[in-house]
Protein backbone atom coordinates (compact mmCIF):
# COMPACT_ATOMS: atom_id res chain seq x y z
CA MET A 1 9.34 -26.11 18.91
CA ALA A 2 9.45 -21.80 18.36
CA ASN A 3 11.64 -19.73 19.35
CA ILE A 4 8.54 -17.09 19.30
CA VAL A 5 5.10 -17.60 21.58
CA TRP A 6 2.29 -15.16 20.88
CA HIS A 7 0.56 -14.65 24.05
CA THR A 8 -2.96 -14.36 23.59
CA LYS A 9 -4.16 -12.56 27.08
CA LEU A 10 -1.46 -10.20 27.80
CA ARG A 11 -1.39 -9.54 23.49
CA ILE A 12 2.77 -9.60 22.92
CA TYR A 13 5.79 -12.39 21.35
CA LEU A 14 8.42 -13.30 24.19
CA ASP A 15 10.95 -14.19 21.56
CA LEU A 16 12.10 -16.55 23.78
CA THR A 17 16.03 -16.60 22.49
CA ARG A 18 17.08 -12.96 24.63
CA ASP A 19 17.01 -13.17 27.81
CA ASP A 20 14.17 -10.32 28.63
CA LEU A 21 12.14 -12.13 25.96
CA GLY A 22 12.05 -8.66 23.78
CA HIS A 23 10.71 -7.14 27.09
CA PRO A 24 12.89 -5.24 29.47
CA GLU A 25 10.61 -3.01 30.18
CA LEU A 26 8.36 -6.24 32.13
CA PRO A 27 11.19 -7.40 34.84
CA ASP A 28 11.20 -11.25 36.05
CA LEU A 29 8.45 -12.10 32.76
CA TRP A 30 9.67 -15.61 32.19
CA GLU A 31 9.17 -16.34 35.92
CA THR A 32 5.89 -15.09 35.26
CA VAL A 33 5.11 -16.88 32.12
CA TYR A 34 6.31 -19.96 32.56
CA ARG A 35 5.04 -20.67 36.70
CA THR A 36 1.75 -19.97 35.23
CA ASP A 37 2.66 -22.59 32.49
CA ARG A 38 3.22 -24.96 35.16
CA LEU A 39 0.58 -24.34 37.26
CA TYR A 40 -2.09 -25.32 34.48
CA ALA A 41 -0.09 -27.43 34.09
CA ALA A 42 -0.53 -28.84 36.95
CA ARG A 43 -4.21 -28.63 37.78
CA GLY A 44 -4.42 -30.22 33.80
CA VAL A 45 -5.81 -27.25 31.63
CA PRO A 46 -5.95 -28.67 28.58
CA VAL A 47 -2.04 -26.80 26.77
CA ALA A 48 -5.22 -24.99 23.94
CA GLU A 49 -6.30 -23.30 26.60
CA ARG A 50 -2.85 -21.99 28.44
CA ASP A 51 -2.61 -18.38 26.18
CA LEU A 52 0.39 -19.96 24.72
CA GLN A 53 0.65 -19.96 20.63
CA CYS A 54 2.88 -20.20 17.78
CA GLY A 55 3.58 -16.69 16.48
CA GLY A 56 6.25 -17.43 14.30
CA VAL A 57 5.82 -19.94 11.72
CA CYS A 58 2.38 -21.01 11.84
CA GLN A 59 0.70 -18.09 12.38
CA GLU A 60 2.02 -16.41 9.07
CA ALA A 61 -0.22 -19.58 7.75
CA GLY A 62 -2.86 -18.34 9.52
CA VAL A 63 -2.93 -21.26 12.03
CA GLU A 64 -3.98 -21.26 15.65
CA ALA A 65 -1.37 -23.76 17.01
CA TRP A 66 -1.18 -24.43 20.81
CA MET A 67 1.98 -24.46 22.60
CA HIS A 68 3.09 -24.78 25.99
CA LEU A 69 6.84 -24.25 27.44
CA ARG A 70 9.16 -26.53 29.28
CA LEU A 71 12.77 -25.86 30.90
CA ARG A 72 15.60 -28.58 29.47
CA ALA A 73 19.35 -28.53 30.32
CA GLY A 74 18.88 -24.73 31.58
CA ARG A 75 17.80 -24.06 27.12
CA ARG A 76 14.09 -22.13 27.43
CA GLU A 77 11.31 -23.72 25.06
CA ALA A 78 7.81 -23.77 23.62
CA VAL A 79 6.66 -27.37 22.17
CA HIS A 80 3.67 -27.60 20.30
CA GLU A 81 1.19 -29.19 21.40
CA LYS A 82 0.28 -31.02 17.91
CA ALA A 83 3.12 -33.21 15.02
CA GLU A 84 1.92 -31.36 12.13
CA ASP A 85 2.23 -28.12 13.93
CA GLU A 86 5.54 -29.37 14.48
CA ASP A 87 6.84 -30.34 11.04
CA ARG A 88 6.00 -27.33 10.03
CA HIS A 89 8.95 -25.63 11.86
CA THR A 90 11.04 -27.93 9.93
CA LEU A 91 10.57 -27.21 5.97
CA PRO A 92 13.05 -25.58 3.67
CA MET A 93 12.59 -22.59 2.47
CA SER A 94 12.10 -23.16 -1.14
CA ASP A 95 14.82 -22.94 -4.15
CA GLU A 96 12.84 -20.75 -5.59
CA HIS A 97 12.35 -18.39 -2.31
CA LYS A 98 16.08 -18.87 -2.70
CA ALA A 99 16.60 -17.16 -6.32
CA TYR A 100 14.12 -14.41 -5.64
CA GLN A 101 15.73 -12.69 -2.49
CA GLU A 102 19.45 -13.12 -4.15
CA ARG A 103 18.06 -11.89 -6.96
CA ILE A 104 17.41 -8.62 -5.43
CA LEU A 105 20.35 -8.72 -3.52
CA ARG A 106 22.25 -8.42 -6.61
CA VAL A 107 20.07 -5.87 -8.01
CA ALA A 108 20.18 -3.92 -5.36
CA GLN A 109 23.18 -3.71 -4.64
CA GLU A 110 24.67 -2.53 -8.13
CA ASP A 111 22.41 0.32 -8.80
CA GLY A 112 24.33 1.69 -5.70
CA PHE A 113 21.89 0.98 -2.79
CA ARG A 114 21.55 -0.98 0.25
CA ALA A 115 20.59 -4.24 0.88
CA ASP A 116 20.01 -7.25 3.11
CA SER A 117 18.42 -10.51 3.35
CA GLU A 118 15.71 -12.58 6.55
CA VAL A 119 16.15 -8.84 8.62
CA ARG A 120 14.98 -7.99 11.76
CA THR A 121 13.86 -4.54 13.07
CA ARG A 122 12.84 -3.94 16.04
CA VAL A 123 8.94 -1.97 17.09
CA GLY A 124 7.87 -0.72 20.77
CA ARG A 125 7.64 -4.45 22.42
CA SER A 126 7.63 -6.31 19.23
CA TRP A 127 9.41 -6.67 15.67
CA ILE A 128 9.56 -6.80 12.29
CA GLN A 129 11.64 -9.15 9.74
CA THR A 130 11.99 -8.42 6.26
CA ASP A 131 12.76 -11.15 3.56
CA THR A 132 14.53 -8.98 2.23
CA LEU A 133 15.14 -4.67 3.02
CA VAL A 134 16.61 -2.15 -0.06
CA GLU A 135 18.26 1.15 1.59
CA GLY A 136 16.97 2.99 -0.78
CA ALA A 137 17.32 7.13 -1.58
CA GLY A 138 15.74 9.89 -0.36
CA GLY A 139 16.17 7.67 3.26
CA ARG A 140 13.30 5.70 1.62
CA ARG A 141 13.49 1.24 2.41
CA ILE A 142 11.88 -1.12 0.60
CA GLY A 143 10.48 -4.15 2.47
CA TRP A 144 9.91 -6.92 -0.23
CA GLU A 145 8.19 -10.24 1.02
CA VAL A 146 8.65 -13.12 -1.28
CA GLN A 147 5.49 -15.33 -0.45
CA LEU A 148 5.47 -17.99 -2.95
CA SER A 149 3.13 -20.07 -0.11
CA SER A 150 -0.27 -20.16 1.84
CA ALA A 151 0.04 -16.52 3.40
CA GLY A 152 -2.87 -15.47 6.77
CA VAL A 153 -5.94 -12.71 6.14
CA HIS A 154 -6.19 -13.07 9.58
CA GLY A 155 -4.74 -12.03 13.00
CA PRO A 156 -1.68 -10.02 13.92
CA ARG A 157 0.46 -12.25 11.84
CA SER A 158 -1.42 -11.51 8.80
CA VAL A 159 -0.85 -10.17 4.96
CA ARG A 160 -2.39 -6.95 5.63
CA ALA A 161 -0.64 -6.78 9.82
CA ARG A 162 2.22 -7.24 8.79
CA ALA A 163 2.00 -4.65 5.95
CA ALA A 164 0.74 -2.32 7.52
CA LYS A 165 2.64 -2.59 10.77
CA ALA A 166 5.44 -2.45 8.16
CA GLU A 167 4.03 0.99 6.79
CA LYS A 168 3.42 2.16 10.10
CA ASN A 169 7.53 1.92 10.81
CA GLY A 170 8.71 3.47 7.38
CA ILE A 171 9.40 0.97 5.48
CA THR A 172 7.07 0.54 2.25
CA PRO A 173 6.34 -3.01 1.90
CA ALA A 174 6.23 -5.07 -1.16
CA TRP A 175 5.11 -8.40 -1.78
CA HIS A 176 6.13 -10.93 -4.83
CA THR A 177 4.37 -13.87 -5.78
CA ASP A 178 3.64 -16.35 -8.58
CA ARG A 179 -0.31 -17.33 -7.15
CA SER A 180 -2.74 -15.36 -9.04
CA ASP A 181 -5.38 -15.43 -6.32
CA TYR A 182 -2.71 -13.81 -3.77
CA ALA A 183 -2.29 -10.91 -6.57
CA ARG A 184 -6.02 -10.24 -7.00
CA ARG A 185 -6.32 -9.39 -2.44
CA ASN A 186 -6.35 -5.52 -1.85
CA ASP A 187 -4.37 -6.61 1.54
CA THR A 188 -1.28 -4.97 0.04
CA HIS A 189 1.08 -4.27 -2.77
CA TRP A 190 1.47 -7.33 -4.86
CA THR A 191 3.20 -8.09 -7.84
CA ARG A 192 3.23 -11.56 -9.21
CA SER A 193 6.08 -12.93 -12.02
CA ASN A 194 4.86 -16.76 -14.21
CA ASN A 195 5.30 -20.14 -12.17
CA LEU A 196 9.42 -20.15 -12.75
CA PRO A 197 11.74 -22.48 -11.92
CA ALA A 198 14.81 -21.07 -9.38
CA TYR A 199 17.71 -21.47 -12.05
CA VAL A 200 15.25 -19.07 -14.03
CA ILE A 201 14.60 -16.88 -11.62
CA ALA A 202 17.90 -16.46 -10.63
CA LYS A 203 20.27 -16.10 -13.38
CA ASN A 204 20.01 -12.75 -15.66
CA GLY A 205 18.08 -12.77 -18.02
CA ASP A 206 14.51 -10.61 -17.62
CA LEU A 207 11.91 -11.69 -15.55
CA ARG A 208 8.90 -10.04 -16.82
CA VAL A 209 5.87 -8.72 -13.19
CA VAL A 210 3.00 -8.89 -15.28
CA SER A 211 0.14 -7.89 -12.82
CA GLY A 212 0.67 -5.60 -10.02
CA PHE A 213 1.85 -2.53 -12.50
CA ARG A 214 0.25 -0.02 -13.98
CA ALA A 215 -0.41 3.20 -16.14
CA LEU A 216 -2.72 6.09 -15.25
CA ASP A 217 -5.03 6.87 -18.44
CA PHE A 218 -6.13 10.35 -17.79
CA TRP A 219 -9.35 11.72 -19.46
CA HIS A 220 -12.08 14.48 -20.08
CA CYS A 221 -15.36 13.15 -19.04
CA ASP A 222 -17.04 14.69 -21.75
CA ILE A 223 -19.51 13.31 -25.08
CA ASN A 224 -16.15 11.38 -26.71
CA ALA A 225 -14.94 9.56 -23.64
CA VAL A 226 -14.36 6.14 -23.99
CA TYR A 227 -15.39 5.46 -20.34
CA PRO A 228 -18.33 5.90 -18.53
CA CYS A 229 -18.36 8.13 -16.33
CA PRO A 230 -17.39 7.23 -13.02
CA ASN A 231 -19.58 9.12 -11.02
CA GLY A 232 -22.51 7.12 -12.90
CA VAL A 233 -23.91 10.05 -14.34
CA ARG A 234 -23.77 10.59 -18.43
CA ARG A 235 -21.34 12.91 -18.62
CA CYS A 236 -19.66 15.10 -15.89
CA GLY A 237 -17.32 17.39 -17.04
CA ARG A 238 -14.44 16.42 -15.13
CA PHE A 239 -11.30 14.54 -15.71
CA HIS A 240 -11.24 10.57 -14.11
CA ALA A 241 -7.83 8.06 -14.12
CA THR A 242 -8.99 4.60 -15.40
CA PRO A 243 -5.36 2.54 -14.10
CA LYS A 244 -4.89 -0.17 -17.04
CA PRO A 245 -2.26 -3.32 -16.28
CA ARG A 246 1.09 -2.70 -17.50
CA ASP A 247 4.04 -4.96 -17.60
CA VAL A 248 7.46 -4.11 -15.48
CA MET A 249 11.05 -5.76 -15.22
CA PHE A 250 10.99 -6.90 -11.94
CA ASP A 251 15.57 -5.92 -12.13
CA ASP A 252 13.71 -2.12 -12.62
CA LEU A 253 10.52 -2.23 -10.24
CA VAL A 254 12.96 -3.46 -7.14
CA ARG A 255 15.71 -0.81 -8.77
CA ARG A 256 12.86 1.74 -9.27
CA THR A 257 11.27 1.82 -5.52
CA ALA A 258 14.88 2.05 -4.41
CA ALA A 259 15.15 5.67 -6.56
CA GLY A 260 11.10 6.67 -5.40
CA THR A 261 10.25 6.38 -9.83
CA ILE A 262 7.62 3.70 -8.99
CA VAL A 263 5.52 4.55 -6.24
CA PRO A 264 2.18 2.52 -4.10
CA VAL A 265 -1.26 3.89 -4.69
CA GLN A 266 -4.39 4.04 -3.49
CA PHE A 267 -7.22 3.38 -6.49
CA ARG A 268 -10.95 3.45 -4.56
CA VAL A 269 -13.41 2.44 -6.91
CA GLY A 270 -16.91 2.17 -4.69
CA SER A 271 -16.32 0.85 -1.35
CA THR A 272 -12.75 -0.69 -2.41
CA SER A 273 -9.35 0.07 -2.79
CA HIS A 274 -7.16 -1.94 -4.60
CA ARG A 275 -3.36 -1.10 -4.21
CA PHE A 276 -0.89 -1.59 -7.04
CA TRP A 277 2.23 0.09 -7.97
CA VAL A 278 2.10 2.85 -10.78
CA THR A 279 5.62 5.99 -12.09
CA ASP A 280 5.91 8.75 -9.32
CA ALA A 281 4.72 11.24 -12.53
CA ASP A 282 0.87 9.55 -12.64
CA ARG A 283 1.40 9.67 -8.91
CA ASP A 284 1.57 13.70 -8.47
CA ARG A 285 -0.81 13.83 -11.38
CA PHE A 286 -3.46 11.79 -9.30
CA GLU A 287 -3.30 12.63 -6.21
CA ASP A 288 -4.28 16.75 -8.59
CA LEU A 289 -7.00 15.46 -9.92
CA ARG A 290 -7.77 13.63 -6.64
CA SER A 291 -7.15 17.42 -4.58
CA ASP A 292 -10.65 18.99 -6.73
CA ASP A 293 -12.02 21.87 -4.99
CA THR A 294 -15.60 19.79 -4.03
CA GLN A 295 -12.55 17.91 -1.50
CA LEU A 296 -12.74 21.43 0.04
CA PRO A 297 -13.82 21.91 3.90
CA LEU A 298 -16.84 23.60 3.94
CA ALA A 299 -17.48 27.44 6.27
CA GLN A 300 -18.53 26.11 9.81
CA ASP A 301 -19.91 28.75 11.52
CA PRO A 302 -19.33 27.60 15.25
CA ASP A 303 -22.42 29.19 16.53
CA ARG A 304 -25.39 27.48 15.18
CA SER A 305 -26.08 24.21 16.42
CA ALA A 306 -26.16 20.87 14.58
CA ARG A 307 -29.49 19.16 13.28
CA ALA A 308 -29.92 17.39 11.16
CA SER A 309 -30.66 17.25 7.45
CA ARG A 310 -32.36 15.54 4.01
CA ASN A 311 -29.73 17.56 1.86
CA ARG A 312 -27.03 16.15 0.51
CA PRO A 313 -23.93 15.83 3.07
CA THR A 314 -21.23 18.22 2.51
CA CYS A 315 -18.53 18.09 4.99
CA LYS A 316 -14.93 16.51 3.27
CA PRO A 317 -11.59 15.82 5.27
CA SER A 318 -9.84 19.18 5.54
CA LEU A 319 -7.30 20.88 3.20
CA PRO A 320 -5.03 24.71 4.64
CA THR A 321 -7.03 26.78 4.90
CA ALA A 322 -6.16 29.79 2.53
CA ASP A 323 -4.50 31.93 5.74
CA THR A 324 -1.34 28.80 6.99
CA LEU A 325 -0.82 28.10 3.05
CA ALA A 326 2.96 28.89 2.14
CA PRO A 327 3.97 31.89 0.55
CA GLY A 328 4.64 31.50 -3.55
CA PRO A 329 4.95 33.49 -6.35
CA ALA A 330 1.63 33.58 -8.27
CA LEU A 331 1.37 32.37 -11.98
CA PRO A 332 0.25 33.74 -15.29
CA ASP A 333 -3.66 33.68 -15.68
CA ALA A 334 -4.49 32.40 -12.50
CA HIS A 335 -4.76 35.73 -9.61
CA VAL A 336 -7.61 35.54 -7.69
CA PRO A 337 -10.26 39.35 -7.84
CA VAL A 338 -9.16 41.01 -5.43
CA GLN A 339 -11.46 41.63 -2.22
CA PRO A 340 -12.43 44.43 -1.05
CA ALA A 341 -10.53 45.93 2.25
CA PRO A 342 -12.34 45.43 5.19
CA VAL A 343 -13.66 49.22 5.94
CA GLU A 344 -12.32 50.66 9.13
CA GLU A 345 -15.74 51.85 11.44
CA GLN A 346 -14.64 54.64 12.62
CA THR A 347 -15.25 55.70 9.01
CA VAL A 348 -18.17 53.32 8.18
CA SER A 349 -21.54 55.70 5.70
CA VAL A 350 -24.75 55.65 5.45
CA GLN A 351 -24.77 54.87 1.78
CA PRO A 352 -27.96 54.65 -0.05
CA ALA A 353 -29.83 50.74 -0.83
CA SER A 354 -29.31 51.14 -4.22
CA ALA A 355 -25.70 51.50 -4.05
CA THR A 356 -24.83 49.07 -1.99
CA ARG A 357 -26.76 46.32 -3.72
CA PRO A 358 -24.37 43.69 -5.13
CA THR A 359 -23.80 43.98 -9.25
CA LEU A 360 -25.62 40.24 -10.30
CA HIS A 361 -25.16 38.04 -13.23
CA SER A 362 -27.45 37.57 -15.55
CA SER A 363 -28.49 33.94 -13.64
CA GLY A 364 -29.62 35.82 -10.71
CA LEU A 365 -25.96 35.51 -9.30
CA PRO A 366 -24.12 37.67 -8.09
CA ALA A 367 -21.45 38.71 -10.63
CA GLU A 368 -18.67 38.90 -7.72
CA LEU A 369 -19.93 35.06 -7.20
CA VAL A 370 -19.35 33.65 -10.59
CA GLU A 371 -15.57 36.26 -10.53
CA LEU A 372 -14.24 34.58 -7.80
CA GLN A 373 -15.36 30.96 -9.67
CA GLN A 374 -14.19 31.46 -12.87
CA ALA A 375 -10.39 32.32 -10.52
CA ALA A 376 -10.65 29.49 -9.18
CA ASP A 377 -11.22 27.43 -12.22
CA ASP A 378 -8.89 29.12 -14.03
CA ALA A 379 -5.96 28.25 -11.60
CA SER A 380 -6.59 24.34 -12.02
CA GLY A 381 -6.52 24.02 -15.22
CA GLN A 382 -3.46 25.33 -15.05
CA LEU A 383 -2.08 22.41 -13.44
CA GLU A 384 -2.69 20.38 -16.38
CA GLN A 385 -0.30 22.30 -18.42
CA LEU A 386 2.23 22.18 -16.27
CA THR A 387 5.19 19.96 -16.28
CA ASP A 388 7.32 21.18 -13.32
CA HIS A 389 7.36 19.79 -10.01
CA GLN A 390 8.41 23.36 -8.35
CA GLU A 391 6.02 24.99 -11.60
CA ARG A 392 3.10 22.41 -10.44
CA ASP A 393 3.60 23.49 -6.13
CA ARG A 394 3.54 26.49 -6.58
CA GLN A 395 -0.22 26.77 -9.00
CA ARG A 396 -1.75 24.47 -6.20
CA ARG A 397 -1.37 26.65 -3.47
CA VAL A 398 -2.76 29.09 -5.46
CA TRP A 399 -5.27 27.31 -6.95
CA ARG A 400 -6.40 25.87 -3.46
CA ALA A 401 -6.44 29.41 -2.35
CA ALA A 402 -8.26 30.84 -4.85
CA ALA A 403 -10.98 27.72 -3.74
CA VAL A 404 -11.48 28.97 -0.52
CA THR A 405 -12.20 31.83 -1.24
CA VAL A 406 -14.46 30.84 -3.18
CA GLN A 407 -15.92 28.93 -1.08
CA ALA A 408 -16.01 31.31 1.86
CA ALA A 409 -18.16 33.63 0.13
CA VAL A 410 -20.90 30.81 -2.01
CA THR A 411 -21.46 29.86 2.65
CA GLN A 412 -21.90 34.03 3.28
CA TYR A 413 -24.03 34.26 -0.34
CA ALA A 414 -25.82 31.73 0.92
CA ARG A 415 -26.95 32.28 4.62
CA SER A 416 -27.54 35.56 3.78
CA LYS A 417 -30.40 34.54 1.91
CA GLY A 418 -31.82 32.17 3.58
CA LEU A 419 -30.72 30.13 0.27
CA ASN A 420 -29.38 25.84 -0.05
CA ARG A 421 -25.75 26.34 -0.01
CA TYR A 422 -25.75 23.00 -2.08
CA GLU A 423 -28.02 24.22 -4.53
CA VAL A 424 -25.79 27.57 -5.15
CA GLU A 425 -22.94 25.78 -4.89
CA LYS A 426 -24.08 23.68 -7.91
CA GLN A 427 -26.00 26.69 -9.91
CA LEU A 428 -22.45 28.68 -9.56
CA ARG A 429 -20.82 26.06 -11.23
CA GLN A 430 -23.30 25.18 -14.23
CA VAL A 431 -23.47 28.98 -15.51
CA VAL A 432 -19.42 29.08 -14.89
CA ARG A 433 -18.84 25.82 -16.26
CA HIS A 434 -21.07 24.79 -19.47
CA PRO A 435 -22.73 28.71 -19.94
CA ARG A 436 -24.12 26.93 -22.04
CA THR A 437 -27.13 24.73 -20.75
């Protein structure tokens, strides 16, 4: 028997321990579901076609276990169709699982954080049950899930679905295992320790995490680089990050995730997103690296109709523009060249053609474009020299404002000359960043 039932048609969980089945917005839900099940039984409909599945242990194991309802001595019960599904619920929690829970509770409470086991959190029409929930600093909540047995891959109770639901509702999922095949999965942020007996896990000695924590190695993609360029070219001249495995103590992992000094990240390689834990300092540097000005949106012309193009796509996710950025004090050597103010219409005077022609750089591009790109690159380079978090935030705003300005200027120049915007931008960066070539 089971207390949690998954209704495949209504797509909701039914908690038989509650009078309203966990859905106060649906009156008489039990009468409706129970009478429908009894009607199916009277007509000889097989249990596998009555829309009711086990929503607890069986679903977590990735098994579709069909059920039917009954009333016994006024008590609501959901009965499995097969005995082997029923036996799955009688398996007790392993001693190793209990030892991990007790250790997480002890470490969190010793560092002044609140923690509790088997916490059920209400989420809309369903719920989230967490093995151990740690209330960390700054309102963060770390949901530890110890998975030492089979874990489902598909379905609403799979690891991916449960982790996504927890994260969506403000709980950072932290899944720990002793199985190497789980540690290689990318459906959540897995950590792994060696397969140890319960008495070793429970004691106060060091418990090492051998998988799931990384140190990011930041390097410049030039001829002296050790790693190959991830963009598939010989040397692109940019900065990249390479994750390198690092061991960490399990107790340190628990307390530092609660404190926010170890955080989860997603590292994309090709079409695969790898999920692991890093220090908050590495996370900040990694975000700076990913927020390169090549990711800024291109200026769009609302009057130009959309059309197909054989050129490389340049559309990127939207980022804040210069008008929406919060003001902050500019740092040294990061000022954007002052743009000439627009002249009022009443004072416009006709100038000779030679006077309105822009000054050209030796490359043939307008010198103003070269100055704007140099200012944006200088602002970006300042980030590598700063360590204070507030100064980096201010400098990041300065850099983004400079990058938005050069992007708009490139678009305007390419449009006025009828040139391919991508080729103009490529030539501009080549002139500024690699003047010798």
